[in-house]
Amino acid sequence: MPKPEIYITFRLTQPEKDLLREYCEQTGRNQTDVLRELIRGLKRRIKRTNEEV
């Protein structure tokens, strides 16, 4: 996998941060991997939305 070149910083509420931390602990994955997977999932959602139009 190519090395990422872009860094994004964003704010979370404490409950959102806690939820992310808990999910990472349960799955044994780090936050970066989890957030990347969620972002990649957007591609499928966009494709599905375009097909419905």
PDB file of N, CA and C in Angstrom:
ATOM      1  N   MET A   1       0.850  -1.174   0.000  1.00  0.00           N
ATOM      2  CA  MET A   1       0.000   0.000   0.000  1.00  0.00           C
ATOM      3  C   MET A   1       0.896   1.238   0.000  1.00  0.00           C
ATOM      4  N   PRO A   2       0.596   2.247  -0.864  1.00  0.00           N
ATOM      5  CA  PRO A   2       1.423   3.444  -0.906  1.00  0.00           C
ATOM      6  C   PRO A   2       1.343   4.228   0.405  1.00  0.00           C
ATOM      7  N   LYS A   3       2.430   4.903   0.712  1.00  0.00           N
ATOM      8  CA  LYS A   3       2.484   5.700   1.933  1.00  0.00           C
ATOM      9  C   LYS A   3       1.585   6.925   1.779  1.00  0.00           C
ATOM     10  N   PRO A   4       0.725   7.187   2.754  1.00  0.00           N
ATOM     11  CA  PRO A   4      -0.167   8.344   2.672  1.00  0.00           C
ATOM     12  C   PRO A   4       0.625   9.652   2.652  1.00  0.00           C
ATOM     13  N   GLU A   5       0.136  10.610   1.900  1.00  0.00           N
ATOM     14  CA  GLU A   5       0.799  11.899   1.792  1.00  0.00           C
ATOM     15  C   GLU A   5      -0.023  13.029   2.383  1.00  0.00           C
ATOM     16  N   ILE A   6      -1.238  12.766   2.785  1.00  0.00           N
ATOM     17  CA  ILE A   6      -2.138  13.809   3.268  1.00  0.00           C
ATOM     18  C   ILE A   6      -2.518  13.517   4.706  1.00  0.00           C
ATOM     19  N   TYR A   7      -2.499  14.555   5.510  1.00  0.00           N
ATOM     20  CA  TYR A   7      -2.915  14.431   6.899  1.00  0.00           C
ATOM     21  C   TYR A   7      -4.162  15.270   7.105  1.00  0.00           C
ATOM     22  N   ILE A   8      -5.144  14.713   7.802  1.00  0.00           N
ATOM     23  CA  ILE A   8      -6.387  15.418   8.100  1.00  0.00           C
ATOM     24  C   ILE A   8      -6.575  15.418   9.607  1.00  0.00           C
ATOM     25  N   THR A   9      -6.912  16.575  10.132  1.00  0.00           N
ATOM     26  CA  THR A   9      -7.193  16.710  11.556  1.00  0.00           C
ATOM     27  C   THR A   9      -8.641  17.148  11.696  1.00  0.00           C
ATOM     28  N   PHE A  10      -9.374  16.506  12.598  1.00  0.00           N
ATOM     29  CA  PHE A  10     -10.744  16.930  12.843  1.00  0.00           C
ATOM     30  C   PHE A  10     -11.096  16.704  14.300  1.00  0.00           C
ATOM     31  N   ARG A  11     -12.154  17.323  14.722  1.00  0.00           N
ATOM     32  CA  ARG A  11     -12.563  17.267  16.122  1.00  0.00           C
ATOM     33  C   ARG A  11     -13.658  16.229  16.323  1.00  0.00           C
ATOM     34  N   LEU A  12     -13.615  15.592  17.489  1.00  0.00           N
ATOM     35  CA  LEU A  12     -14.640  14.636  17.903  1.00  0.00           C
ATOM     36  C   LEU A  12     -15.168  15.055  19.261  1.00  0.00           C
ATOM     37  N   THR A  13     -16.397  14.686  19.530  1.00  0.00           N
ATOM     38  CA  THR A  13     -16.901  14.843  20.892  1.00  0.00           C
ATOM     39  C   THR A  13     -16.283  13.737  21.739  1.00  0.00           C
ATOM     40  N   GLN A  14     -16.330  13.887  23.042  1.00  0.00           N
ATOM     41  CA  GLN A  14     -15.774  12.849  23.910  1.00  0.00           C
ATOM     42  C   GLN A  14     -16.490  11.510  23.711  1.00  0.00           C
ATOM     43  N   PRO A  15     -17.835  11.500  23.596  1.00  0.00           N
ATOM     44  CA  PRO A  15     -18.509  10.214  23.347  1.00  0.00           C
ATOM     45  C   PRO A  15     -18.076   9.562  22.024  1.00  0.00           C
ATOM     46  N   GLU A  16     -17.849  10.363  20.983  1.00  0.00           N
ATOM     47  CA  GLU A  16     -17.382   9.810  19.707  1.00  0.00           C
ATOM     48  C   GLU A  16     -15.981   9.224  19.854  1.00  0.00           C
ATOM     49  N   LYS A  17     -15.119   9.928  20.557  1.00  0.00           N
ATOM     50  CA  LYS A  17     -13.756   9.443  20.797  1.00  0.00           C
ATOM     51  C   LYS A  17     -13.779   8.148  21.598  1.00  0.00           C
ATOM     52  N   ASP A  18     -14.638   8.102  22.620  1.00  0.00           N
ATOM     53  CA  ASP A  18     -14.759   6.892  23.438  1.00  0.00           C
ATOM     54  C   ASP A  18     -15.239   5.707  22.603  1.00  0.00           C
ATOM     55  N   LEU A  19     -16.193   5.959  21.727  1.00  0.00           N
ATOM     56  CA  LEU A  19     -16.724   4.905  20.862  1.00  0.00           C
ATOM     57  C   LEU A  19     -15.644   4.383  19.913  1.00  0.00           C
ATOM     58  N   LEU A  20     -14.873   5.282  19.339  1.00  0.00           N
ATOM     59  CA  LEU A  20     -13.781   4.880  18.455  1.00  0.00           C
ATOM     60  C   LEU A  20     -12.746   4.065  19.221  1.00  0.00           C
ATOM     61  N   ARG A  21     -12.369   4.523  20.394  1.00  0.00           N
ATOM     62  CA  ARG A  21     -11.389   3.814  21.214  1.00  0.00           C
ATOM     63  C   ARG A  21     -11.889   2.422  21.567  1.00  0.00           C
ATOM     64  N   GLU A  22     -13.158   2.333  21.985  1.00  0.00           N
ATOM     65  CA  GLU A  22     -13.735   1.037  22.357  1.00  0.00           C
ATOM     66  C   GLU A  22     -13.746   0.081  21.160  1.00  0.00           C
ATOM     67  N   TYR A  23     -14.143   0.588  20.000  1.00  0.00           N
ATOM     68  CA  TYR A  23     -14.166  -0.250  18.800  1.00  0.00           C
ATOM     69  C   TYR A  23     -12.764  -0.750  18.461  1.00  0.00           C
ATOM     70  N   CYS A  24     -11.792   0.134  18.555  1.00  0.00           N
ATOM     71  CA  CYS A  24     -10.404  -0.246  18.262  1.00  0.00           C
ATOM     72  C   CYS A  24      -9.910  -1.311  19.232  1.00  0.00           C
ATOM     73  N   GLU A  25     -10.237  -1.162  20.492  1.00  0.00           N
ATOM     74  CA  GLU A  25      -9.834  -2.159  21.486  1.00  0.00           C
ATOM     75  C   GLU A  25     -10.469  -3.515  21.196  1.00  0.00           C
ATOM     76  N   GLN A  26     -11.750  -3.514  20.853  1.00  0.00           N
ATOM     77  CA  GLN A  26     -12.459  -4.767  20.599  1.00  0.00           C
ATOM     78  C   GLN A  26     -11.958  -5.474  19.345  1.00  0.00           C
ATOM     79  N   THR A  27     -11.568  -4.705  18.343  1.00  0.00           N
ATOM     80  CA  THR A  27     -11.150  -5.302  17.076  1.00  0.00           C
ATOM     81  C   THR A  27      -9.640  -5.473  16.970  1.00  0.00           C
ATOM     82  N   GLY A  28      -8.894  -4.880  17.904  1.00  0.00           N
ATOM     83  CA  GLY A  28      -7.440  -4.967  17.862  1.00  0.00           C
ATOM     84  C   GLY A  28      -6.819  -4.154  16.738  1.00  0.00           C
ATOM     85  N   ARG A  29      -7.544  -3.180  16.254  1.00  0.00           N
ATOM     86  CA  ARG A  29      -7.058  -2.337  15.155  1.00  0.00           C
ATOM     87  C   ARG A  29      -6.781  -0.936  15.673  1.00  0.00           C
ATOM     88  N   ASN A  30      -5.948  -0.198  14.943  1.00  0.00           N
ATOM     89  CA  ASN A  30      -5.683   1.170  15.378  1.00  0.00           C
ATOM     90  C   ASN A  30      -6.686   2.134  14.751  1.00  0.00           C
ATOM     91  N   GLN A  31      -6.715   3.340  15.271  1.00  0.00           N
ATOM     92  CA  GLN A  31      -7.694   4.333  14.831  1.00  0.00           C
ATOM     93  C   GLN A  31      -7.543   4.667  13.352  1.00  0.00           C
ATOM     94  N   THR A  32      -6.317   4.770  12.889  1.00  0.00           N
ATOM     95  CA  THR A  32      -6.085   5.095  11.484  1.00  0.00           C
ATOM     96  C   THR A  32      -6.705   4.042  10.573  1.00  0.00           C
ATOM     97  N   ASP A  33      -6.486   2.775  10.873  1.00  0.00           N
ATOM     98  CA  ASP A  33      -7.047   1.702  10.041  1.00  0.00           C
ATOM     99  C   ASP A  33      -8.570   1.731  10.032  1.00  0.00           C
ATOM    100  N   VAL A  34      -9.164   1.953  11.195  1.00  0.00           N
ATOM    101  CA  VAL A  34     -10.624   1.988  11.293  1.00  0.00           C
ATOM    102  C   VAL A  34     -11.184   3.157  10.493  1.00  0.00           C
ATOM    103  N   LEU A  35     -10.598   4.330  10.640  1.00  0.00           N
ATOM    104  CA  LEU A  35     -11.097   5.504   9.922  1.00  0.00           C
ATOM    105  C   LEU A  35     -10.889   5.372   8.416  1.00  0.00           C
ATOM    106  N   ARG A  36      -9.773   4.789   8.003  1.00  0.00           N
ATOM    107  CA  ARG A  36      -9.556   4.558   6.563  1.00  0.00           C
ATOM    108  C   ARG A  36     -10.617   3.622   5.996  1.00  0.00           C
ATOM    109  N   GLU A  37     -10.943   2.567   6.734  1.00  0.00           N
ATOM    110  CA  GLU A  37     -11.969   1.636   6.268  1.00  0.00           C
ATOM    111  C   GLU A  37     -13.315   2.349   6.120  1.00  0.00           C
ATOM    112  N   LEU A  38     -13.652   3.186   7.081  1.00  0.00           N
ATOM    113  CA  LEU A  38     -14.913   3.927   7.001  1.00  0.00           C
ATOM    114  C   LEU A  38     -14.932   4.857   5.788  1.00  0.00           C
ATOM    115  N   ILE A  39     -13.813   5.518   5.531  1.00  0.00           N
ATOM    116  CA  ILE A  39     -13.737   6.421   4.382  1.00  0.00           C
ATOM    117  C   ILE A  39     -13.843   5.642   3.078  1.00  0.00           C
ATOM    118  N   ARG A  40     -13.166   4.509   2.999  1.00  0.00           N
ATOM    119  CA  ARG A  40     -13.258   3.686   1.780  1.00  0.00           C
ATOM    120  C   ARG A  40     -14.682   3.200   1.546  1.00  0.00           C
ATOM    121  N   GLY A  41     -15.422   2.972   2.612  1.00  0.00           N
ATOM    122  CA  GLY A  41     -16.810   2.547   2.497  1.00  0.00           C
ATOM    123  C   GLY A  41     -17.690   3.605   1.858  1.00  0.00           C
ATOM    124  N   LEU A  42     -17.255   4.847   1.902  1.00  0.00           N
ATOM    125  CA  LEU A  42     -18.022   5.922   1.275  1.00  0.00           C
ATOM    126  C   LEU A  42     -18.108   5.732  -0.233  1.00  0.00           C
ATOM    127  N   LYS A  43     -17.088   5.147  -0.818  1.00  0.00           N
ATOM    128  CA  LYS A  43     -17.089   4.918  -2.265  1.00  0.00           C
ATOM    129  C   LYS A  43     -18.260   4.028  -2.665  1.00  0.00           C
ATOM    130  N   ARG A  44     -18.498   2.978  -1.886  1.00  0.00           N
ATOM    131  CA  ARG A  44     -19.634   2.086  -2.173  1.00  0.00           C
ATOM    132  C   ARG A  44     -20.960   2.822  -1.989  1.00  0.00           C
ATOM    133  N   ARG A  45     -21.038   3.652  -0.967  1.00  0.00           N
ATOM    134  CA  ARG A  45     -22.279   4.394  -0.718  1.00  0.00           C
ATOM    135  C   ARG A  45     -22.551   5.394  -1.831  1.00  0.00           C
ATOM    136  N   ILE A  46     -21.499   6.057  -2.309  1.00  0.00           N
ATOM    137  CA  ILE A  46     -21.661   7.016  -3.401  1.00  0.00           C
ATOM    138  C   ILE A  46     -22.118   6.290  -4.659  1.00  0.00           C
ATOM    139  N   LYS A  47     -21.497   5.156  -4.955  1.00  0.00           N
ATOM    140  CA  LYS A  47     -21.856   4.384  -6.147  1.00  0.00           C
ATOM    141  C   LYS A  47     -23.310   3.940  -6.067  1.00  0.00           C
ATOM    142  N   ARG A  48     -23.728   3.449  -4.895  1.00  0.00           N
ATOM    143  CA  ARG A  48     -25.097   2.980  -4.714  1.00  0.00           C
ATOM    144  C   ARG A  48     -26.086   4.136  -4.883  1.00  0.00           C
ATOM    145  N   THR A  49     -25.759   5.302  -4.353  1.00  0.00           N
ATOM    146  CA  THR A  49     -26.633   6.464  -4.464  1.00  0.00           C
ATOM    147  C   THR A  49     -26.772   6.884  -5.919  1.00  0.00           C
ATOM    148  N   ASN A  50     -25.671   6.879  -6.664  1.00  0.00           N
ATOM    149  CA  ASN A  50     -25.716   7.259  -8.075  1.00  0.00           C
ATOM    150  C   ASN A  50     -26.548   6.280  -8.894  1.00  0.00           C
ATOM    151  N   GLU A  51     -26.525   5.005  -8.533  1.00  0.00           N
ATOM    152  CA  GLU A  51     -27.304   4.002  -9.258  1.00  0.00           C
ATOM    153  C   GLU A  51     -28.794   4.152  -8.987  1.00  0.00           C
ATOM    154  N   GLU A  52     -29.148   4.682  -7.818  1.00  0.00           N
ATOM    155  CA  GLU A  52     -30.553   4.847  -7.460  1.00  0.00           C
ATOM    156  C   GLU A  52     -31.180   6.040  -8.160  1.00  0.00           C
ATOM    157  N   VAL A  53     -30.362   6.969  -8.626  1.00  0.00           N
ATOM    158  CA  VAL A  53     -30.872   8.200  -9.257  1.00  0.00           C
ATOM    159  C   VAL A  53     -31.315   7.968 -10.653  1.00  0.00           C
TER     160      VAL A  53
END
